[in-house]
């Protein structure tokens, strides 16, 4: 049976919403409350911090992030 996968934001929200998962991070409850407030109020939290907390909670990356080439509008970058 395959494990369910989530985006970074979805997984982060799950960890923030679960006191049991948050406890696995070893971080204080006050931090959970602070990050939950930031998340709900759409105050930016860096991707690096989210990933660090997810790893501390025992989550694993299911697939590396994929990147597209940028689309430039400037002729300087178009060949």
PDB file of N, CA and C in Angstrom:
ATOM      1  N   UNK A   1       0.842  -1.184   0.000  1.00  0.00           N
ATOM      2  CA  UNK A   1       0.000   0.000   0.000  1.00  0.00           C
ATOM      3  C   UNK A   1       0.886   1.246   0.000  1.00  0.00           C
ATOM      4  N   UNK A   2       0.617   2.156  -0.936  1.00  0.00           N
ATOM      5  CA  UNK A   2       1.409   3.375  -1.032  1.00  0.00           C
ATOM      6  C   UNK A   2       1.025   4.368   0.049  1.00  0.00           C
ATOM      7  N   UNK A   3       2.040   5.077   0.524  1.00  0.00           N
ATOM      8  CA  UNK A   3       1.776   6.141   1.488  1.00  0.00           C
ATOM      9  C   UNK A   3       1.209   7.338   0.736  1.00  0.00           C
ATOM     10  N   UNK A   4       0.332   8.067   1.396  1.00  0.00           N
ATOM     11  CA  UNK A   4      -0.220   9.267   0.789  1.00  0.00           C
ATOM     12  C   UNK A   4       0.848  10.355   0.774  1.00  0.00           C
ATOM     13  N   UNK A   5       0.874  11.128  -0.297  1.00  0.00           N
ATOM     14  CA  UNK A   5       1.849  12.204  -0.403  1.00  0.00           C
ATOM     15  C   UNK A   5       1.139  13.554  -0.369  1.00  0.00           C
ATOM     16  N   UNK A   6       1.872  14.555   0.073  1.00  0.00           N
ATOM     17  CA  UNK A   6       1.333  15.900   0.231  1.00  0.00           C
ATOM     18  C   UNK A   6       2.343  16.911  -0.288  1.00  0.00           C
ATOM     19  N   UNK A   7       1.860  18.082  -0.638  1.00  0.00           N
ATOM     20  CA  UNK A   7       2.778  19.170  -0.955  1.00  0.00           C
ATOM     21  C   UNK A   7       3.454  19.596   0.345  1.00  0.00           C
ATOM     22  N   UNK A   8       4.502  20.377   0.229  1.00  0.00           N
ATOM     23  CA  UNK A   8       5.192  20.870   1.428  1.00  0.00           C
ATOM     24  C   UNK A   8       4.224  21.642   2.317  1.00  0.00           C
ATOM     25  N   UNK A   9       3.420  22.510   1.706  1.00  0.00           N
ATOM     26  CA  UNK A   9       2.475  23.302   2.495  1.00  0.00           C
ATOM     27  C   UNK A   9       1.423  22.434   3.174  1.00  0.00           C
ATOM     28  N   UNK A  10       0.911  21.441   2.456  1.00  0.00           N
ATOM     29  CA  UNK A  10      -0.091  20.548   3.048  1.00  0.00           C
ATOM     30  C   UNK A  10       0.497  19.769   4.224  1.00  0.00           C
ATOM     31  N   UNK A  11       1.690  19.226   4.027  1.00  0.00           N
ATOM     32  CA  UNK A  11       2.335  18.457   5.092  1.00  0.00           C
ATOM     33  C   UNK A  11       2.652  19.351   6.288  1.00  0.00           C
ATOM     34  N   UNK A  12       3.109  20.569   6.005  1.00  0.00           N
ATOM     35  CA  UNK A  12       3.430  21.510   7.083  1.00  0.00           C
ATOM     36  C   UNK A  12       2.175  21.834   7.889  1.00  0.00           C
ATOM     37  N   UNK A  13       1.067  22.046   7.203  1.00  0.00           N
ATOM     38  CA  UNK A  13      -0.193  22.333   7.897  1.00  0.00           C
ATOM     39  C   UNK A  13      -0.622  21.144   8.764  1.00  0.00           C
ATOM     40  N   UNK A  14      -0.427  19.938   8.264  1.00  0.00           N
ATOM     41  CA  UNK A  14      -0.774  18.739   9.032  1.00  0.00           C
ATOM     42  C   UNK A  14       0.061  18.666  10.309  1.00  0.00           C
ATOM     43  N   UNK A  15       1.358  18.922  10.186  1.00  0.00           N
ATOM     44  CA  UNK A  15       2.241  18.884  11.364  1.00  0.00           C
ATOM     45  C   UNK A  15       1.842  19.978  12.355  1.00  0.00           C
ATOM     46  N   UNK A  16       1.563  21.175  11.844  1.00  0.00           N
ATOM     47  CA  UNK A  16       1.154  22.268  12.734  1.00  0.00           C
ATOM     48  C   UNK A  16      -0.159  21.956  13.447  1.00  0.00           C
ATOM     49  N   UNK A  17      -1.040  21.259  12.770  1.00  0.00           N
ATOM     50  CA  UNK A  17      -2.367  20.977  13.321  1.00  0.00           C
ATOM     51  C   UNK A  17      -2.383  19.775  14.261  1.00  0.00           C
ATOM     52  N   UNK A  18      -1.281  19.069  14.336  1.00  0.00           N
ATOM     53  CA  UNK A  18      -1.238  17.853  15.144  1.00  0.00           C
ATOM     54  C   UNK A  18      -0.234  17.987  16.292  1.00  0.00           C
ATOM     55  N   UNK A  19      -0.728  18.129  17.511  1.00  0.00           N
ATOM     56  CA  UNK A  19       0.202  18.201  18.649  1.00  0.00           C
ATOM     57  C   UNK A  19       1.123  16.980  18.742  1.00  0.00           C
ATOM     58  N   UNK A  20       0.607  15.814  18.352  1.00  0.00           N
ATOM     59  CA  UNK A  20       1.420  14.591  18.416  1.00  0.00           C
ATOM     60  C   UNK A  20       2.587  14.657  17.426  1.00  0.00           C
ATOM     61  N   UNK A  21       2.305  15.097  16.200  1.00  0.00           N
ATOM     62  CA  UNK A  21       3.381  15.220  15.215  1.00  0.00           C
ATOM     63  C   UNK A  21       4.348  16.329  15.603  1.00  0.00           C
ATOM     64  N   UNK A  22       3.818  17.434  16.109  1.00  0.00           N
ATOM     65  CA  UNK A  22       4.692  18.541  16.510  1.00  0.00           C
ATOM     66  C   UNK A  22       5.644  18.091  17.611  1.00  0.00           C
ATOM     67  N   UNK A  23       5.166  17.277  18.511  1.00  0.00           N
ATOM     68  CA  UNK A  23       6.004  16.805  19.618  1.00  0.00           C
ATOM     69  C   UNK A  23       7.234  16.069  19.096  1.00  0.00           C
ATOM     70  N   UNK A  24       7.091  15.369  17.971  1.00  0.00           N
ATOM     71  CA  UNK A  24       8.220  14.647  17.380  1.00  0.00           C
ATOM     72  C   UNK A  24       9.336  15.584  16.923  1.00  0.00           C
ATOM     73  N   UNK A  25       9.009  16.856  16.662  1.00  0.00           N
ATOM     74  CA  UNK A  25      10.030  17.806  16.211  1.00  0.00           C
ATOM     75  C   UNK A  25      10.986  18.179  17.330  1.00  0.00           C
ATOM     76  N   UNK A  26      10.535  18.016  18.574  1.00  0.00           N
ATOM     77  CA  UNK A  26      11.357  18.406  19.715  1.00  0.00           C
ATOM     78  C   UNK A  26      11.354  19.904  19.964  1.00  0.00           C
ATOM     79  N   UNK A  27      10.510  20.607  19.249  1.00  0.00           N
ATOM     80  CA  UNK A  27      10.426  22.061  19.397  1.00  0.00           C
ATOM     81  C   UNK A  27       9.361  22.424  20.430  1.00  0.00           C
ATOM     82  N   UNK A  28       9.495  23.605  21.044  1.00  0.00           N
ATOM     83  CA  UNK A  28       8.512  24.030  22.048  1.00  0.00           C
ATOM     84  C   UNK A  28       7.122  24.261  21.443  1.00  0.00           C
ATOM     85  N   UNK A  29       6.110  24.036  22.240  1.00  0.00           N
ATOM     86  CA  UNK A  29       4.721  24.246  21.820  1.00  0.00           C
ATOM     87  C   UNK A  29       4.502  25.698  21.396  1.00  0.00           C
ATOM     88  N   UNK A  30       5.205  26.622  22.044  1.00  0.00           N
ATOM     89  CA  UNK A  30       5.058  28.040  21.711  1.00  0.00           C
ATOM     90  C   UNK A  30       5.427  28.312  20.248  1.00  0.00           C
ATOM     91  N   UNK A  31       6.430  27.589  19.749  1.00  0.00           N
ATOM     92  CA  UNK A  31       6.804  27.748  18.339  1.00  0.00           C
ATOM     93  C   UNK A  31       5.688  27.252  17.431  1.00  0.00           C
ATOM     94  N   UNK A  32       5.076  26.152  17.809  1.00  0.00           N
ATOM     95  CA  UNK A  32       3.960  25.625  17.012  1.00  0.00           C
ATOM     96  C   UNK A  32       2.852  26.663  16.917  1.00  0.00           C
ATOM     97  N   UNK A  33       2.519  27.268  18.039  1.00  0.00           N
ATOM     98  CA  UNK A  33       1.460  28.282  18.063  1.00  0.00           C
ATOM     99  C   UNK A  33       1.852  29.478  17.195  1.00  0.00           C
ATOM    100  N   UNK A  34       3.124  29.892  17.291  1.00  0.00           N
ATOM    101  CA  UNK A  34       3.615  31.025  16.497  1.00  0.00           C
ATOM    102  C   UNK A  34       3.529  30.720  15.002  1.00  0.00           C
ATOM    103  N   UNK A  35       4.003  29.537  14.598  1.00  0.00           N
ATOM    104  CA  UNK A  35       3.982  29.181  13.177  1.00  0.00           C
ATOM    105  C   UNK A  35       2.560  28.946  12.679  1.00  0.00           C
ATOM    106  N   UNK A  36       1.707  28.411  13.521  1.00  0.00           N
ATOM    107  CA  UNK A  36       0.309  28.213  13.149  1.00  0.00           C
ATOM    108  C   UNK A  36      -0.361  29.565  12.898  1.00  0.00           C
ATOM    109  N   UNK A  37      -0.070  30.534  13.757  1.00  0.00           N
ATOM    110  CA  UNK A  37      -0.597  31.894  13.574  1.00  0.00           C
ATOM    111  C   UNK A  37      -0.092  32.486  12.257  1.00  0.00           C
ATOM    112  N   UNK A  38       1.207  32.352  12.009  1.00  0.00           N
ATOM    113  CA  UNK A  38       1.778  32.875  10.762  1.00  0.00           C
ATOM    114  C   UNK A  38       1.139  32.197   9.553  1.00  0.00           C
ATOM    115  N   UNK A  39       1.023  30.883   9.608  1.00  0.00           N
ATOM    116  CA  UNK A  39       0.485  30.123   8.481  1.00  0.00           C
ATOM    117  C   UNK A  39      -0.958  30.529   8.190  1.00  0.00           C
ATOM    118  N   UNK A  40      -1.759  30.622   9.218  1.00  0.00           N
ATOM    119  CA  UNK A  40      -3.177  30.974   9.037  1.00  0.00           C
ATOM    120  C   UNK A  40      -3.366  32.408   8.557  1.00  0.00           C
ATOM    121  N   UNK A  41      -2.423  33.271   8.898  1.00  0.00           N
ATOM    122  CA  UNK A  41      -2.509  34.672   8.487  1.00  0.00           C
ATOM    123  C   UNK A  41      -1.668  34.960   7.245  1.00  0.00           C
ATOM    124  N   UNK A  42      -1.231  33.904   6.587  1.00  0.00           N
ATOM    125  CA  UNK A  42      -0.469  33.980   5.343  1.00  0.00           C
ATOM    126  C   UNK A  42       0.781  34.843   5.465  1.00  0.00           C
ATOM    127  N   UNK A  43       1.410  34.770   6.625  1.00  0.00           N
ATOM    128  CA  UNK A  43       2.699  35.428   6.834  1.00  0.00           C
ATOM    129  C   UNK A  43       3.762  34.431   6.369  1.00  0.00           C
ATOM    130  N   UNK A  44       4.648  34.845   5.477  1.00  0.00           N
ATOM    131  CA  UNK A  44       5.592  33.897   4.878  1.00  0.00           C
ATOM    132  C   UNK A  44       6.459  33.144   5.893  1.00  0.00           C
ATOM    133  N   UNK A  45       6.600  31.858   5.624  1.00  0.00           N
ATOM    134  CA  UNK A  45       7.518  30.981   6.352  1.00  0.00           C
ATOM    135  C   UNK A  45       8.393  30.357   5.270  1.00  0.00           C
ATOM    136  N   UNK A  46       9.687  30.414   5.434  1.00  0.00           N
ATOM    137  CA  UNK A  46      10.576  29.947   4.371  1.00  0.00           C
ATOM    138  C   UNK A  46      10.410  28.447   4.113  1.00  0.00           C
ATOM    139  N   UNK A  47      10.647  28.079   2.873  1.00  0.00           N
ATOM    140  CA  UNK A  47      10.570  26.666   2.487  1.00  0.00           C
ATOM    141  C   UNK A  47      11.609  25.847   3.253  1.00  0.00           C
ATOM    142  N   UNK A  48      12.783  26.429   3.472  1.00  0.00           N
ATOM    143  CA  UNK A  48      13.831  25.719   4.219  1.00  0.00           C
ATOM    144  C   UNK A  48      13.371  25.374   5.630  1.00  0.00           C
ATOM    145  N   UNK A  49      12.721  26.324   6.286  1.00  0.00           N
ATOM    146  CA  UNK A  49      12.242  26.085   7.646  1.00  0.00           C
ATOM    147  C   UNK A  49      11.139  25.031   7.650  1.00  0.00           C
ATOM    148  N   UNK A  50      10.214  25.133   6.698  1.00  0.00           N
ATOM    149  CA  UNK A  50       9.142  24.131   6.613  1.00  0.00           C
ATOM    150  C   UNK A  50       9.728  22.736   6.442  1.00  0.00           C
ATOM    151  N   UNK A  51      10.687  22.607   5.522  1.00  0.00           N
ATOM    152  CA  UNK A  51      11.293  21.294   5.270  1.00  0.00           C
ATOM    153  C   UNK A  51      12.048  20.778   6.490  1.00  0.00           C
ATOM    154  N   UNK A  52      12.726  21.666   7.191  1.00  0.00           N
ATOM    155  CA  UNK A  52      13.457  21.262   8.394  1.00  0.00           C
ATOM    156  C   UNK A  52      12.493  20.718   9.450  1.00  0.00           C
ATOM    157  N   UNK A  53      11.394  21.430   9.658  1.00  0.00           N
ATOM    158  CA  UNK A  53      10.401  20.996  10.646  1.00  0.00           C
ATOM    159  C   UNK A  53       9.751  19.682  10.218  1.00  0.00           C
ATOM    160  N   UNK A  54       9.460  19.546   8.925  1.00  0.00           N
ATOM    161  CA  UNK A  54       8.867  18.299   8.436  1.00  0.00           C
ATOM    162  C   UNK A  54       9.807  17.118   8.666  1.00  0.00           C
ATOM    163  N   UNK A  55      11.089  17.315   8.403  1.00  0.00           N
ATOM    164  CA  UNK A  55      12.061  16.234   8.647  1.00  0.00           C
ATOM    165  C   UNK A  55      12.116  15.890  10.136  1.00  0.00           C
ATOM    166  N   UNK A  56      12.094  16.918  10.981  1.00  0.00           N
ATOM    167  CA  UNK A  56      12.132  16.685  12.424  1.00  0.00           C
ATOM    168  C   UNK A  56      10.897  15.924  12.901  1.00  0.00           C
ATOM    169  N   UNK A  57       9.776  16.105  12.194  1.00  0.00           N
ATOM    170  CA  UNK A  57       8.538  15.404  12.559  1.00  0.00           C
ATOM    171  C   UNK A  57       8.517  13.978  12.017  1.00  0.00           C
ATOM    172  N   UNK A  58       9.539  13.624  11.244  1.00  0.00           N
ATOM    173  CA  UNK A  58       9.625  12.264  10.718  1.00  0.00           C
ATOM    174  C   UNK A  58       9.133  12.115   9.290  1.00  0.00           C
ATOM    175  N   UNK A  59       8.798  13.219   8.647  1.00  0.00           N
ATOM    176  CA  UNK A  59       8.355  13.165   7.247  1.00  0.00           C
ATOM    177  C   UNK A  59       9.566  12.967   6.338  1.00  0.00           C
ATOM    178  N   UNK A  60       9.313  12.367   5.194  1.00  0.00           N
ATOM    179  CA  UNK A  60      10.366  12.155   4.208  1.00  0.00           C
ATOM    180  C   UNK A  60       9.922  12.724   2.869  1.00  0.00           C
ATOM    181  N   UNK A  61      10.880  13.222   2.107  1.00  0.00           N
ATOM    182  CA  UNK A  61      10.567  13.755   0.785  1.00  0.00           C
ATOM    183  C   UNK A  61      10.211  12.590  -0.130  1.00  0.00           C
ATOM    184  N   UNK A  62       9.038  12.671  -0.754  1.00  0.00           N
ATOM    185  CA  UNK A  62       8.583  11.613  -1.653  1.00  0.00           C
ATOM    186  C   UNK A  62       9.122  11.827  -3.062  1.00  0.00           C
ATOM    187  N   UNK A  63       9.319  13.092  -3.434  1.00  0.00           N
ATOM    188  CA  UNK A  63       9.828  13.418  -4.768  1.00  0.00           C
ATOM    189  C   UNK A  63      10.536  14.758  -4.681  1.00  0.00           C
ATOM    190  N   UNK A  64      11.711  14.831  -5.278  1.00  0.00           N
ATOM    191  CA  UNK A  64      12.428  16.100  -5.294  1.00  0.00           C
ATOM    192  C   UNK A  64      11.646  17.142  -6.076  1.00  0.00           C
ATOM    193  N   UNK A  65      11.865  18.383  -5.740  1.00  0.00           N
ATOM    194  CA  UNK A  65      11.220  19.483  -6.436  1.00  0.00           C
ATOM    195  C   UNK A  65      11.747  19.563  -7.858  1.00  0.00           C
ATOM    196  N   UNK A  66      10.860  19.766  -8.798  1.00  0.00           N
ATOM    197  CA  UNK A  66      11.241  19.901 -10.199  1.00  0.00           C
ATOM    198  C   UNK A  66      11.161  21.369 -10.591  1.00  0.00           C
ATOM    199  N   UNK A  67      12.083  21.785 -11.447  1.00  0.00           N
ATOM    200  CA  UNK A  67      12.143  23.182 -11.858  1.00  0.00           C
ATOM    201  C   UNK A  67      12.051  23.278 -13.367  1.00  0.00           C
ATOM    202  N   UNK A  68      11.365  24.298 -13.853  1.00  0.00           N
ATOM    203  CA  UNK A  68      11.324  24.608 -15.278  1.00  0.00           C
ATOM    204  C   UNK A  68      12.338  25.692 -15.577  1.00  0.00           C
ATOM    205  N   UNK A  69      12.743  25.759 -16.838  1.00  0.00           N
ATOM    206  CA  UNK A  69      13.595  26.871 -17.246  1.00  0.00           C
ATOM    207  C   UNK A  69      12.766  28.143 -17.186  1.00  0.00           C
ATOM    208  N   UNK A  70      13.393  29.251 -16.843  1.00  0.00           N
ATOM    209  CA  UNK A  70      12.633  30.501 -16.798  1.00  0.00           C
ATOM    210  C   UNK A  70      12.264  30.960 -18.201  1.00  0.00           C
ATOM    211  N   UNK A  71      11.182  31.669 -18.282  1.00  0.00           N
ATOM    212  CA  UNK A  71      10.781  32.286 -19.538  1.00  0.00           C
ATOM    213  C   UNK A  71      11.133  33.757 -19.433  1.00  0.00           C
ATOM    214  N   UNK A  72      12.053  34.178 -20.265  1.00  0.00           N
ATOM    215  CA  UNK A  72      12.505  35.559 -20.208  1.00  0.00           C
ATOM    216  C   UNK A  72      11.768  36.395 -21.239  1.00  0.00           C
ATOM    217  N   UNK A  73      11.415  37.583 -20.844  1.00  0.00           N
ATOM    218  CA  UNK A  73      10.783  38.509 -21.779  1.00  0.00           C
ATOM    219  C   UNK A  73      11.813  39.458 -22.367  1.00  0.00           C
ATOM    220  N   UNK A  74      12.954  39.541 -21.741  1.00  0.00           N
ATOM    221  CA  UNK A  74      14.010  40.428 -22.218  1.00  0.00           C
ATOM    222  C   UNK A  74      14.787  39.756 -23.344  1.00  0.00           C
ATOM    223  N   UNK A  75      15.104  40.512 -24.394  1.00  0.00           N
ATOM    224  CA  UNK A  75      15.886  39.976 -25.511  1.00  0.00           C
ATOM    225  C   UNK A  75      17.297  39.613 -25.073  1.00  0.00           C
ATOM    226  N   UNK A  76      17.740  40.214 -23.986  1.00  0.00           N
ATOM    227  CA  UNK A  76      19.093  39.961 -23.485  1.00  0.00           C
ATOM    228  C   UNK A  76      19.305  38.473 -23.217  1.00  0.00           C
ATOM    229  N   UNK A  77      18.269  37.764 -22.749  1.00  0.00           N
ATOM    230  CA  UNK A  77      18.408  36.366 -22.370  1.00  0.00           C
ATOM    231  C   UNK A  77      17.904  35.399 -23.431  1.00  0.00           C
ATOM    232  N   UNK A  78      17.261  35.890 -24.454  1.00  0.00           N
ATOM    233  CA  UNK A  78      16.772  35.029 -25.532  1.00  0.00           C
ATOM    234  C   UNK A  78      17.831  34.917 -26.614  1.00  0.00           C
ATOM    235  N   UNK A  79      18.072  33.714 -27.061  1.00  0.00           N
ATOM    236  CA  UNK A  79      19.078  33.509 -28.119  1.00  0.00           C
ATOM    237  C   UNK A  79      18.449  33.600 -29.480  1.00  0.00           C
TER     238      UNK A  79
END
